[in-house]
Amino acid sequence: VNNGVYLSLMDIARVDLIYRAGLMGKLAARRWYPVVVAETIQFRKSLQ
């Protein structure tokens, strides 16, 4: 897996948290949206 793909998949997982926590509608109603301002990742093994 390309290292950039890890970061993109993390975006999807954060969206999943927002949806499954029941926050998406509340955020949309207030016109609030998330942005990543910093991230760091440590790789231990590869995904195949």
ModelCIF file with pLDDT and N, C-alpha, C, O atoms, coordinates in Angstrom:
data_MODEL
#
_entry.id   MODEL 
#
_entity.id                         1 
_entity.type                       polymer 
_entity.pdbx_number_of_molecules   1 
#
_entity_poly.entity_id                      1 
_entity_poly.type                           'polypeptide(L)' 
_entity_poly.nstd_linkage                   no 
_entity_poly.nstd_monomer                   no 
_entity_poly.pdbx_seq_one_letter_code       VNNGVYLSLMDIARVDLIYRAGLMGKLAARRWYPVVVAETIQFRKSLQ 
_entity_poly.pdbx_seq_one_letter_code_can   VNNGVYLSLMDIARVDLIYRAGLMGKLAARRWYPVVVAETIQFRKSLQ 
_entity_poly.pdbx_strand_id                 A 
#
loop_
_entity_poly_seq.entity_id 
_entity_poly_seq.num 
_entity_poly_seq.mon_id 
_entity_poly_seq.hetero 
1 1  VAL n 
1 2  ASN n 
1 3  ASN n 
1 4  GLY n 
1 5  VAL n 
1 6  TYR n 
1 7  LEU n 
1 8  SER n 
1 9  LEU n 
1 10 MET n 
1 11 ASP n 
1 12 ILE n 
1 13 ALA n 
1 14 ARG n 
1 15 VAL n 
1 16 ASP n 
1 17 LEU n 
1 18 ILE n 
1 19 TYR n 
1 20 ARG n 
1 21 ALA n 
1 22 GLY n 
1 23 LEU n 
1 24 MET n 
1 25 GLY n 
1 26 LYS n 
1 27 LEU n 
1 28 ALA n 
1 29 ALA n 
1 30 ARG n 
1 31 ARG n 
1 32 TRP n 
1 33 TYR n 
1 34 PRO n 
1 35 VAL n 
1 36 VAL n 
1 37 VAL n 
1 38 ALA n 
1 39 GLU n 
1 40 THR n 
1 41 ILE n 
1 42 GLN n 
1 43 PHE n 
1 44 ARG n 
1 45 LYS n 
1 46 SER n 
1 47 LEU n 
1 48 GLN n 
#
_struct_asym.id          A 
_struct_asym.entity_id   1 
#
loop_
_ma_qa_metric.id 
_ma_qa_metric.mode 
_ma_qa_metric.name 
_ma_qa_metric.software_group_id 
_ma_qa_metric.type 
1 global pLDDT . pLDDT 
2 local  pLDDT . pLDDT 
#
_ma_qa_metric_global.metric_id      1 
_ma_qa_metric_global.metric_value   95.52 
_ma_qa_metric_global.model_id       1 
_ma_qa_metric_global.ordinal_id     1 
#
loop_
_ma_qa_metric_local.label_asym_id 
_ma_qa_metric_local.label_comp_id 
_ma_qa_metric_local.label_seq_id 
_ma_qa_metric_local.metric_id 
_ma_qa_metric_local.metric_value 
_ma_qa_metric_local.model_id 
_ma_qa_metric_local.ordinal_id 
A VAL 1  2 92.00 1 1  
A ASN 2  2 91.00 1 2  
A ASN 3  2 91.00 1 3  
A GLY 4  2 92.00 1 4  
A VAL 5  2 95.00 1 5  
A TYR 6  2 96.00 1 6  
A LEU 7  2 96.00 1 7  
A SER 8  2 95.00 1 8  
A LEU 9  2 97.00 1 9  
A MET 10 2 97.00 1 10 
A ASP 11 2 96.00 1 11 
A ILE 12 2 96.00 1 12 
A ALA 13 2 97.00 1 13 
A ARG 14 2 97.00 1 14 
A VAL 15 2 95.00 1 15 
A ASP 16 2 96.00 1 16 
A LEU 17 2 97.00 1 17 
A ILE 18 2 96.00 1 18 
A TYR 19 2 95.00 1 19 
A ARG 20 2 96.00 1 20 
A ALA 21 2 96.00 1 21 
A GLY 22 2 94.00 1 22 
A LEU 23 2 95.00 1 23 
A MET 24 2 94.00 1 24 
A GLY 25 2 94.00 1 25 
A LYS 26 2 96.00 1 26 
A LEU 27 2 96.00 1 27 
A ALA 28 2 95.00 1 28 
A ALA 29 2 96.00 1 29 
A ARG 30 2 96.00 1 30 
A ARG 31 2 97.00 1 31 
A TRP 32 2 97.00 1 32 
A TYR 33 2 96.00 1 33 
A PRO 34 2 96.00 1 34 
A VAL 35 2 96.00 1 35 
A VAL 36 2 97.00 1 36 
A VAL 37 2 96.00 1 37 
A ALA 38 2 96.00 1 38 
A GLU 39 2 97.00 1 39 
A THR 40 2 97.00 1 40 
A ILE 41 2 97.00 1 41 
A GLN 42 2 97.00 1 42 
A PHE 43 2 97.00 1 43 
A ARG 44 2 96.00 1 44 
A LYS 45 2 96.00 1 45 
A SER 46 2 94.00 1 46 
A LEU 47 2 95.00 1 47 
A GLN 48 2 93.00 1 48 
#
loop_
_atom_site.group_PDB 
_atom_site.id 
_atom_site.type_symbol 
_atom_site.label_atom_id 
_atom_site.label_alt_id 
_atom_site.label_comp_id 
_atom_site.label_asym_id 
_atom_site.label_entity_id 
_atom_site.label_seq_id 
_atom_site.pdbx_PDB_ins_code 
_atom_site.Cartn_x 
_atom_site.Cartn_y 
_atom_site.Cartn_z 
_atom_site.occupancy 
_atom_site.B_iso_or_equiv 
_atom_site.pdbx_formal_charge 
_atom_site.auth_seq_id 
_atom_site.auth_comp_id 
_atom_site.auth_asym_id 
_atom_site.auth_atom_id 
_atom_site.pdbx_PDB_model_num 
ATOM 1   N N  . VAL A 1 1  ? 0.843   -1.196 0.000  1.00 92.00 ? 1  VAL A N  1 
ATOM 2   C CA . VAL A 1 1  ? 0.000   0.000  0.000  1.00 92.00 ? 1  VAL A CA 1 
ATOM 3   C C  . VAL A 1 1  ? 0.881   1.251  0.000  1.00 92.00 ? 1  VAL A C  1 
ATOM 4   O O  . VAL A 1 1  ? 1.802   1.390  0.805  1.00 92.00 ? 1  VAL A O  1 
ATOM 5   N N  . ASN A 1 2  ? 0.572   2.137  -0.914 1.00 91.00 ? 2  ASN A N  1 
ATOM 6   C CA . ASN A 1 2  ? 1.267   3.411  -1.036 1.00 91.00 ? 2  ASN A CA 1 
ATOM 7   C C  . ASN A 1 2  ? 1.043   4.231  0.225  1.00 91.00 ? 2  ASN A C  1 
ATOM 8   O O  . ASN A 1 2  ? -0.065  4.251  0.761  1.00 91.00 ? 2  ASN A O  1 
ATOM 9   N N  . ASN A 1 3  ? 2.085   4.910  0.707  1.00 91.00 ? 3  ASN A N  1 
ATOM 10  C CA . ASN A 1 3  ? 1.950   5.652  1.958  1.00 91.00 ? 3  ASN A CA 1 
ATOM 11  C C  . ASN A 1 3  ? 0.882   6.738  1.894  1.00 91.00 ? 3  ASN A C  1 
ATOM 12  O O  . ASN A 1 3  ? 0.255   7.025  2.914  1.00 91.00 ? 3  ASN A O  1 
ATOM 13  N N  . GLY A 1 4  ? 0.653   7.346  0.746  1.00 92.00 ? 4  GLY A N  1 
ATOM 14  C CA . GLY A 1 4  ? -0.401  8.349  0.615  1.00 92.00 ? 4  GLY A CA 1 
ATOM 15  C C  . GLY A 1 4  ? -1.789  7.757  0.731  1.00 92.00 ? 4  GLY A C  1 
ATOM 16  O O  . GLY A 1 4  ? -2.715  8.434  1.177  1.00 92.00 ? 4  GLY A O  1 
ATOM 17  N N  . VAL A 1 5  ? -1.948  6.506  0.337  1.00 95.00 ? 5  VAL A N  1 
ATOM 18  C CA . VAL A 1 5  ? -3.246  5.835  0.438  1.00 95.00 ? 5  VAL A CA 1 
ATOM 19  C C  . VAL A 1 5  ? -3.647  5.672  1.905  1.00 95.00 ? 5  VAL A C  1 
ATOM 20  O O  . VAL A 1 5  ? -4.826  5.779  2.243  1.00 95.00 ? 5  VAL A O  1 
ATOM 21  N N  . TYR A 1 6  ? -2.674  5.413  2.771  1.00 96.00 ? 6  TYR A N  1 
ATOM 22  C CA . TYR A 1 6  ? -2.981  5.301  4.205  1.00 96.00 ? 6  TYR A CA 1 
ATOM 23  C C  . TYR A 1 6  ? -3.698  6.564  4.685  1.00 96.00 ? 6  TYR A C  1 
ATOM 24  O O  . TYR A 1 6  ? -4.703  6.479  5.391  1.00 96.00 ? 6  TYR A O  1 
ATOM 25  N N  . LEU A 1 7  ? -3.185  7.729  4.304  1.00 96.00 ? 7  LEU A N  1 
ATOM 26  C CA . LEU A 1 7  ? -3.779  8.987  4.763  1.00 96.00 ? 7  LEU A CA 1 
ATOM 27  C C  . LEU A 1 7  ? -5.183  9.174  4.204  1.00 96.00 ? 7  LEU A C  1 
ATOM 28  O O  . LEU A 1 7  ? -6.073  9.660  4.902  1.00 96.00 ? 7  LEU A O  1 
ATOM 29  N N  . SER A 1 8  ? -5.381  8.793  2.955  1.00 95.00 ? 8  SER A N  1 
ATOM 30  C CA . SER A 1 8  ? -6.712  8.906  2.349  1.00 95.00 ? 8  SER A CA 1 
ATOM 31  C C  . SER A 1 8  ? -7.713  7.961  3.009  1.00 95.00 ? 8  SER A C  1 
ATOM 32  O O  . SER A 1 8  ? -8.868  8.329  3.225  1.00 95.00 ? 8  SER A O  1 
ATOM 33  N N  . LEU A 1 9  ? -7.277  6.756  3.326  1.00 97.00 ? 9  LEU A N  1 
ATOM 34  C CA . LEU A 1 9  ? -8.162  5.809  4.014  1.00 97.00 ? 9  LEU A CA 1 
ATOM 35  C C  . LEU A 1 9  ? -8.505  6.315  5.414  1.00 97.00 ? 9  LEU A C  1 
ATOM 36  O O  . LEU A 1 9  ? -9.614  6.093  5.901  1.00 97.00 ? 9  LEU A O  1 
ATOM 37  N N  . MET A 1 10 ? -7.564  6.989  6.057  1.00 97.00 ? 10 MET A N  1 
ATOM 38  C CA . MET A 1 10 ? -7.844  7.576  7.370  1.00 97.00 ? 10 MET A CA 1 
ATOM 39  C C  . MET A 1 10 ? -8.959  8.619  7.268  1.00 97.00 ? 10 MET A C  1 
ATOM 40  O O  . MET A 1 10 ? -9.793  8.718  8.168  1.00 97.00 ? 10 MET A O  1 
ATOM 41  N N  . ASP A 1 11 ? -8.981  9.402  6.176  1.00 96.00 ? 11 ASP A N  1 
ATOM 42  C CA . ASP A 1 11 ? -10.064 10.373 5.969  1.00 96.00 ? 11 ASP A CA 1 
ATOM 43  C C  . ASP A 1 11 ? -11.417 9.668  5.972  1.00 96.00 ? 11 ASP A C  1 
ATOM 44  O O  . ASP A 1 11 ? -12.363 10.119 6.618  1.00 96.00 ? 11 ASP A O  1 
ATOM 45  N N  . ILE A 1 12 ? -11.495 8.557  5.243  1.00 96.00 ? 12 ILE A N  1 
ATOM 46  C CA . ILE A 1 12 ? -12.756 7.815  5.155  1.00 96.00 ? 12 ILE A CA 1 
ATOM 47  C C  . ILE A 1 12 ? -13.155 7.270  6.522  1.00 96.00 ? 12 ILE A C  1 
ATOM 48  O O  . ILE A 1 12 ? -14.332 7.309  6.880  1.00 96.00 ? 12 ILE A O  1 
ATOM 49  N N  . ALA A 1 13 ? -12.200 6.766  7.286  1.00 97.00 ? 13 ALA A N  1 
ATOM 50  C CA . ALA A 1 13 ? -12.503 6.240  8.623  1.00 97.00 ? 13 ALA A CA 1 
ATOM 51  C C  . ALA A 1 13 ? -13.006 7.347  9.552  1.00 97.00 ? 13 ALA A C  1 
ATOM 52  O O  . ALA A 1 13 ? -13.877 7.099  10.386 1.00 97.00 ? 13 ALA A O  1 
ATOM 53  N N  . ARG A 1 14 ? -12.468 8.569  9.417  1.00 97.00 ? 14 ARG A N  1 
ATOM 54  C CA . ARG A 1 14 ? -12.967 9.679  10.242 1.00 97.00 ? 14 ARG A CA 1 
ATOM 55  C C  . ARG A 1 14 ? -14.393 10.054 9.845  1.00 97.00 ? 14 ARG A C  1 
ATOM 56  O O  . ARG A 1 14 ? -15.211 10.382 10.705 1.00 97.00 ? 14 ARG A O  1 
ATOM 57  N N  . VAL A 1 15 ? -14.692 10.008 8.556  1.00 95.00 ? 15 VAL A N  1 
ATOM 58  C CA . VAL A 1 15 ? -16.066 10.255 8.101  1.00 95.00 ? 15 VAL A CA 1 
ATOM 59  C C  . VAL A 1 15 ? -16.991 9.184  8.672  1.00 95.00 ? 15 VAL A C  1 
ATOM 60  O O  . VAL A 1 15 ? -18.108 9.489  9.087  1.00 95.00 ? 15 VAL A O  1 
ATOM 61  N N  . ASP A 1 16 ? -16.536 7.936  8.697  1.00 96.00 ? 16 ASP A N  1 
ATOM 62  C CA . ASP A 1 16 ? -17.322 6.843  9.276  1.00 96.00 ? 16 ASP A CA 1 
ATOM 63  C C  . ASP A 1 16 ? -17.641 7.134  10.742 1.00 96.00 ? 16 ASP A C  1 
ATOM 64  O O  . ASP A 1 16 ? -18.771 6.929  11.184 1.00 96.00 ? 16 ASP A O  1 
ATOM 65  N N  . LEU A 1 17 ? -16.655 7.608  11.492 1.00 97.00 ? 17 LEU A N  1 
ATOM 66  C CA . LEU A 1 17 ? -16.895 7.976  12.894 1.00 97.00 ? 17 LEU A CA 1 
ATOM 67  C C  . LEU A 1 17 ? -17.973 9.055  12.986 1.00 97.00 ? 17 LEU A C  1 
ATOM 68  O O  . LEU A 1 17 ? -18.885 8.945  13.805 1.00 97.00 ? 17 LEU A O  1 
ATOM 69  N N  . ILE A 1 18 ? -17.880 10.085 12.163 1.00 96.00 ? 18 ILE A N  1 
ATOM 70  C CA . ILE A 1 18 ? -18.857 11.180 12.203 1.00 96.00 ? 18 ILE A CA 1 
ATOM 71  C C  . ILE A 1 18 ? -20.261 10.662 11.893 1.00 96.00 ? 18 ILE A C  1 
ATOM 72  O O  . ILE A 1 18 ? -21.220 11.006 12.584 1.00 96.00 ? 18 ILE A O  1 
ATOM 73  N N  . TYR A 1 19 ? -20.380 9.833  10.852 1.00 95.00 ? 19 TYR A N  1 
ATOM 74  C CA . TYR A 1 19 ? -21.693 9.266  10.502 1.00 95.00 ? 19 TYR A CA 1 
ATOM 75  C C  . TYR A 1 19 ? -22.230 8.386  11.616 1.00 95.00 ? 19 TYR A C  1 
ATOM 76  O O  . TYR A 1 19 ? -23.357 8.582  12.070 1.00 95.00 ? 19 TYR A O  1 
ATOM 77  N N  . ARG A 1 20 ? -21.439 7.414  12.062 1.00 96.00 ? 20 ARG A N  1 
ATOM 78  C CA . ARG A 1 20 ? -21.932 6.413  13.014 1.00 96.00 ? 20 ARG A CA 1 
ATOM 79  C C  . ARG A 1 20 ? -22.152 6.979  14.411 1.00 96.00 ? 20 ARG A C  1 
ATOM 80  O O  . ARG A 1 20 ? -22.866 6.383  15.218 1.00 96.00 ? 20 ARG A O  1 
ATOM 81  N N  . ALA A 1 21 ? -21.544 8.127  14.701 1.00 96.00 ? 21 ALA A N  1 
ATOM 82  C CA . ALA A 1 21 ? -21.785 8.796  15.975 1.00 96.00 ? 21 ALA A CA 1 
ATOM 83  C C  . ALA A 1 21 ? -23.019 9.700  15.893 1.00 96.00 ? 21 ALA A C  1 
ATOM 84  O O  . ALA A 1 21 ? -23.398 10.330 16.881 1.00 96.00 ? 21 ALA A O  1 
ATOM 85  N N  . GLY A 1 22 ? -23.641 9.761  14.718 1.00 94.00 ? 22 GLY A N  1 
ATOM 86  C CA . GLY A 1 22 ? -24.850 10.563 14.550 1.00 94.00 ? 22 GLY A CA 1 
ATOM 87  C C  . GLY A 1 22 ? -24.582 12.062 14.465 1.00 94.00 ? 22 GLY A C  1 
ATOM 88  O O  . GLY A 1 22 ? -25.458 12.870 14.772 1.00 94.00 ? 22 GLY A O  1 
ATOM 89  N N  . LEU A 1 23 ? -23.383 12.431 14.052 1.00 95.00 ? 23 LEU A N  1 
ATOM 90  C CA . LEU A 1 23 ? -23.017 13.848 14.021 1.00 95.00 ? 23 LEU A CA 1 
ATOM 91  C C  . LEU A 1 23 ? -23.132 14.508 12.654 1.00 95.00 ? 23 LEU A C  1 
ATOM 92  O O  . LEU A 1 23 ? -23.146 15.736 12.571 1.00 95.00 ? 23 LEU A O  1 
ATOM 93  N N  . MET A 1 24 ? -23.213 13.732 11.585 1.00 94.00 ? 24 MET A N  1 
ATOM 94  C CA . MET A 1 24 ? -23.178 14.320 10.249 1.00 94.00 ? 24 MET A CA 1 
ATOM 95  C C  . MET A 1 24 ? -24.300 15.344 10.039 1.00 94.00 ? 24 MET A C  1 
ATOM 96  O O  . MET A 1 24 ? -24.046 16.445 9.550  1.00 94.00 ? 24 MET A O  1 
ATOM 97  N N  . GLY A 1 25 ? -25.511 14.999 10.397 1.00 94.00 ? 25 GLY A N  1 
ATOM 98  C CA . GLY A 1 25 ? -26.631 15.928 10.226 1.00 94.00 ? 25 GLY A CA 1 
ATOM 99  C C  . GLY A 1 25 ? -26.483 17.177 11.080 1.00 94.00 ? 25 GLY A C  1 
ATOM 100 O O  . GLY A 1 25 ? -26.785 18.282 10.627 1.00 94.00 ? 25 GLY A O  1 
ATOM 101 N N  . LYS A 1 26 ? -26.017 17.007 12.319 1.00 96.00 ? 26 LYS A N  1 
ATOM 102 C CA . LYS A 1 26 ? -25.830 18.148 13.216 1.00 96.00 ? 26 LYS A CA 1 
ATOM 103 C C  . LYS A 1 26 ? -24.754 19.095 12.678 1.00 96.00 ? 26 LYS A C  1 
ATOM 104 O O  . LYS A 1 26 ? -24.901 20.316 12.735 1.00 96.00 ? 26 LYS A O  1 
ATOM 105 N N  . LEU A 1 27 ? -23.680 18.517 12.161 1.00 96.00 ? 27 LEU A N  1 
ATOM 106 C CA . LEU A 1 27 ? -22.605 19.341 11.599 1.00 96.00 ? 27 LEU A CA 1 
ATOM 107 C C  . LEU A 1 27 ? -23.081 20.077 10.351 1.00 96.00 ? 27 LEU A C  1 
ATOM 108 O O  . LEU A 1 27 ? -22.811 21.266 10.178 1.00 96.00 ? 27 LEU A O  1 
ATOM 109 N N  . ALA A 1 28 ? -23.795 19.353 9.483  1.00 95.00 ? 28 ALA A N  1 
ATOM 110 C CA . ALA A 1 28 ? -24.283 19.958 8.241  1.00 95.00 ? 28 ALA A CA 1 
ATOM 111 C C  . ALA A 1 28 ? -25.258 21.094 8.530  1.00 95.00 ? 28 ALA A C  1 
ATOM 112 O O  . ALA A 1 28 ? -25.229 22.125 7.858  1.00 95.00 ? 28 ALA A O  1 
ATOM 113 N N  . ALA A 1 29 ? -26.117 20.909 9.524  1.00 96.00 ? 29 ALA A N  1 
ATOM 114 C CA . ALA A 1 29 ? -27.098 21.947 9.872  1.00 96.00 ? 29 ALA A CA 1 
ATOM 115 C C  . ALA A 1 29 ? -26.416 23.233 10.320 1.00 96.00 ? 29 ALA A C  1 
ATOM 116 O O  . ALA A 1 29 ? -26.943 24.324 10.102 1.00 96.00 ? 29 ALA A O  1 
ATOM 117 N N  . ARG A 1 30 ? -25.260 23.112 10.938 1.00 96.00 ? 30 ARG A N  1 
ATOM 118 C CA . ARG A 1 30 ? -24.522 24.284 11.414 1.00 96.00 ? 30 ARG A CA 1 
ATOM 119 C C  . ARG A 1 30 ? -23.472 24.760 10.412 1.00 96.00 ? 30 ARG A C  1 
ATOM 120 O O  . ARG A 1 30 ? -22.815 25.783 10.610 1.00 96.00 ? 30 ARG A O  1 
ATOM 121 N N  . ARG A 1 31 ? -23.332 23.982 9.317  1.00 97.00 ? 31 ARG A N  1 
ATOM 122 C CA . ARG A 1 31 ? -22.354 24.286 8.269  1.00 97.00 ? 31 ARG A CA 1 
ATOM 123 C C  . ARG A 1 31 ? -20.917 24.159 8.786  1.00 97.00 ? 31 ARG A C  1 
ATOM 124 O O  . ARG A 1 31 ? -20.026 24.893 8.360  1.00 97.00 ? 31 ARG A O  1 
ATOM 125 N N  . TRP A 1 32 ? -20.711 23.226 9.702  1.00 97.00 ? 32 TRP A N  1 
ATOM 126 C CA . TRP A 1 32 ? -19.391 22.941 10.246 1.00 97.00 ? 32 TRP A CA 1 
ATOM 127 C C  . TRP A 1 32 ? -18.780 21.788 9.456  1.00 97.00 ? 32 TRP A C  1 
ATOM 128 O O  . TRP A 1 32 ? -19.477 20.851 9.066  1.00 97.00 ? 32 TRP A O  1 
ATOM 129 N N  . TYR A 1 33 ? -17.497 21.866 9.230  1.00 96.00 ? 33 TYR A N  1 
ATOM 130 C CA . TYR A 1 33 ? -16.811 20.778 8.522  1.00 96.00 ? 33 TYR A CA 1 
ATOM 131 C C  . TYR A 1 33 ? -15.383 20.628 9.056  1.00 96.00 ? 33 TYR A C  1 
ATOM 132 O O  . TYR A 1 33 ? -14.769 21.608 9.478  1.00 96.00 ? 33 TYR A O  1 
ATOM 133 N N  . PRO A 1 34 ? -14.857 19.397 9.035  1.00 96.00 ? 34 PRO A N  1 
ATOM 134 C CA . PRO A 1 34 ? -13.511 19.153 9.569  1.00 96.00 ? 34 PRO A CA 1 
ATOM 135 C C  . PRO A 1 34 ? -12.429 19.348 8.521  1.00 96.00 ? 34 PRO A C  1 
ATOM 136 O O  . PRO A 1 34 ? -12.634 19.110 7.331  1.00 96.00 ? 34 PRO A O  1 
ATOM 137 N N  . VAL A 1 35 ? -11.269 19.790 8.998  1.00 96.00 ? 35 VAL A N  1 
ATOM 138 C CA . VAL A 1 35 ? -10.068 19.844 8.165  1.00 96.00 ? 35 VAL A CA 1 
ATOM 139 C C  . VAL A 1 35 ? -8.902  19.311 8.995  1.00 96.00 ? 35 VAL A C  1 
ATOM 140 O O  . VAL A 1 35 ? -8.830  19.531 10.204 1.00 96.00 ? 35 VAL A O  1 
ATOM 141 N N  . VAL A 1 36 ? -8.007  18.618 8.335  1.00 97.00 ? 36 VAL A N  1 
ATOM 142 C CA . VAL A 1 36 ? -6.808  18.121 9.008  1.00 97.00 ? 36 VAL A CA 1 
ATOM 143 C C  . VAL A 1 36 ? -5.767  19.235 8.962  1.00 97.00 ? 36 VAL A C  1 
ATOM 144 O O  . VAL A 1 36 ? -5.509  19.808 7.903  1.00 97.00 ? 36 VAL A O  1 
ATOM 145 N N  . VAL A 1 37 ? -5.168  19.539 10.117 1.00 96.00 ? 37 VAL A N  1 
ATOM 146 C CA . VAL A 1 37 ? -4.125  20.565 10.144 1.00 96.00 ? 37 VAL A CA 1 
ATOM 147 C C  . VAL A 1 37 ? -2.744  19.956 10.360 1.00 96.00 ? 37 VAL A C  1 
ATOM 148 O O  . VAL A 1 37 ? -1.737  20.604 10.077 1.00 96.00 ? 37 VAL A O  1 
ATOM 149 N N  . ALA A 1 38 ? -2.679  18.737 10.850 1.00 96.00 ? 38 ALA A N  1 
ATOM 150 C CA . ALA A 1 38 ? -1.387  18.051 11.002 1.00 96.00 ? 38 ALA A CA 1 
ATOM 151 C C  . ALA A 1 38 ? -1.664  16.570 11.209 1.00 96.00 ? 38 ALA A C  1 
ATOM 152 O O  . ALA A 1 38 ? -2.680  16.189 11.790 1.00 96.00 ? 38 ALA A O  1 
ATOM 153 N N  . GLU A 1 39 ? -0.751  15.747 10.728 1.00 97.00 ? 39 GLU A N  1 
ATOM 154 C CA . GLU A 1 39 ? -0.849  14.316 10.985 1.00 97.00 ? 39 GLU A CA 1 
ATOM 155 C C  . GLU A 1 39 ? 0.522   13.693 10.851 1.00 97.00 ? 39 GLU A C  1 
ATOM 156 O O  . GLU A 1 39 ? 1.375   14.154 10.093 1.00 97.00 ? 39 GLU A O  1 
ATOM 157 N N  . THR A 1 40 ? 0.701   12.641 11.605 1.00 97.00 ? 40 THR A N  1 
ATOM 158 C CA . THR A 1 40 ? 1.940   11.875 11.532 1.00 97.00 ? 40 THR A CA 1 
ATOM 159 C C  . THR A 1 40 ? 1.571   10.405 11.618 1.00 97.00 ? 40 THR A C  1 
ATOM 160 O O  . THR A 1 40 ? 0.614   10.030 12.296 1.00 97.00 ? 40 THR A O  1 
ATOM 161 N N  . ILE A 1 41 ? 2.336   9.583  10.927 1.00 97.00 ? 41 ILE A N  1 
ATOM 162 C CA . ILE A 1 41 ? 2.033   8.154  10.920 1.00 97.00 ? 41 ILE A CA 1 
ATOM 163 C C  . ILE A 1 41 ? 3.327   7.364  11.051 1.00 97.00 ? 41 ILE A C  1 
ATOM 164 O O  . ILE A 1 41 ? 4.363   7.742  10.504 1.00 97.00 ? 41 ILE A O  1 
ATOM 165 N N  . GLN A 1 42 ? 3.248   6.269  11.781 1.00 97.00 ? 42 GLN A N  1 
ATOM 166 C CA . GLN A 1 42 ? 4.368   5.341  11.942 1.00 97.00 ? 42 GLN A CA 1 
ATOM 167 C C  . GLN A 1 42 ? 3.962   3.997  11.353 1.00 97.00 ? 42 GLN A C  1 
ATOM 168 O O  . GLN A 1 42 ? 2.928   3.436  11.714 1.00 97.00 ? 42 GLN A O  1 
ATOM 169 N N  . PHE A 1 43 ? 4.780   3.494  10.452 1.00 97.00 ? 43 PHE A N  1 
ATOM 170 C CA . PHE A 1 43 ? 4.516   2.216  9.808  1.00 97.00 ? 43 PHE A CA 1 
ATOM 171 C C  . PHE A 1 43 ? 5.349   1.136  10.485 1.00 97.00 ? 43 PHE A C  1 
ATOM 172 O O  . PHE A 1 43 ? 6.553   1.302  10.682 1.00 97.00 ? 43 PHE A O  1 
ATOM 173 N N  . ARG A 1 44 ? 4.706   0.035  10.836 1.00 96.00 ? 44 ARG A N  1 
ATOM 174 C CA . ARG A 1 44 ? 5.428   -1.090 11.438 1.00 96.00 ? 44 ARG A CA 1 
ATOM 175 C C  . ARG A 1 44 ? 5.585   -2.243 10.450 1.00 96.00 ? 44 ARG A C  1 
ATOM 176 O O  . ARG A 1 44 ? 6.627   -2.898 10.406 1.00 96.00 ? 44 ARG A O  1 
ATOM 177 N N  . LYS A 1 45 ? 4.552   -2.480 9.670  1.00 96.00 ? 45 LYS A N  1 
ATOM 178 C CA . LYS A 1 45 ? 4.565   -3.542 8.662  1.00 96.00 ? 45 LYS A CA 1 
ATOM 179 C C  . LYS A 1 45 ? 3.790   -3.043 7.447  1.00 96.00 ? 45 LYS A C  1 
ATOM 180 O O  . LYS A 1 45 ? 3.140   -1.999 7.502  1.00 96.00 ? 45 LYS A O  1 
ATOM 181 N N  . SER A 1 46 ? 3.862   -3.791 6.362  1.00 94.00 ? 46 SER A N  1 
ATOM 182 C CA . SER A 1 46 ? 3.174   -3.414 5.129  1.00 94.00 ? 46 SER A CA 1 
ATOM 183 C C  . SER A 1 46 ? 1.839   -4.118 5.000  1.00 94.00 ? 46 SER A C  1 
ATOM 184 O O  . SER A 1 46 ? 1.649   -5.222 5.511  1.00 94.00 ? 46 SER A O  1 
ATOM 185 N N  . LEU A 1 47 ? 0.928   -3.474 4.319  1.00 95.00 ? 47 LEU A N  1 
ATOM 186 C CA . LEU A 1 47 ? -0.313  -4.110 3.892  1.00 95.00 ? 47 LEU A CA 1 
ATOM 187 C C  . LEU A 1 47 ? -0.115  -4.589 2.455  1.00 95.00 ? 47 LEU A C  1 
ATOM 188 O O  . LEU A 1 47 ? 0.439   -3.870 1.624  1.00 95.00 ? 47 LEU A O  1 
ATOM 189 N N  . GLN A 1 48 ? -0.572  -5.809 2.173  1.00 93.00 ? 48 GLN A N  1 
ATOM 190 C CA . GLN A 1 48 ? -0.401  -6.424 0.862  1.00 93.00 ? 48 GLN A CA 1 
ATOM 191 C C  . GLN A 1 48 ? -1.755  -6.571 0.171  1.00 93.00 ? 48 GLN A C  1 
ATOM 192 O O  . GLN A 1 48 ? -1.823  -7.072 -0.951 1.00 93.00 ? 48 GLN A O  1 
#
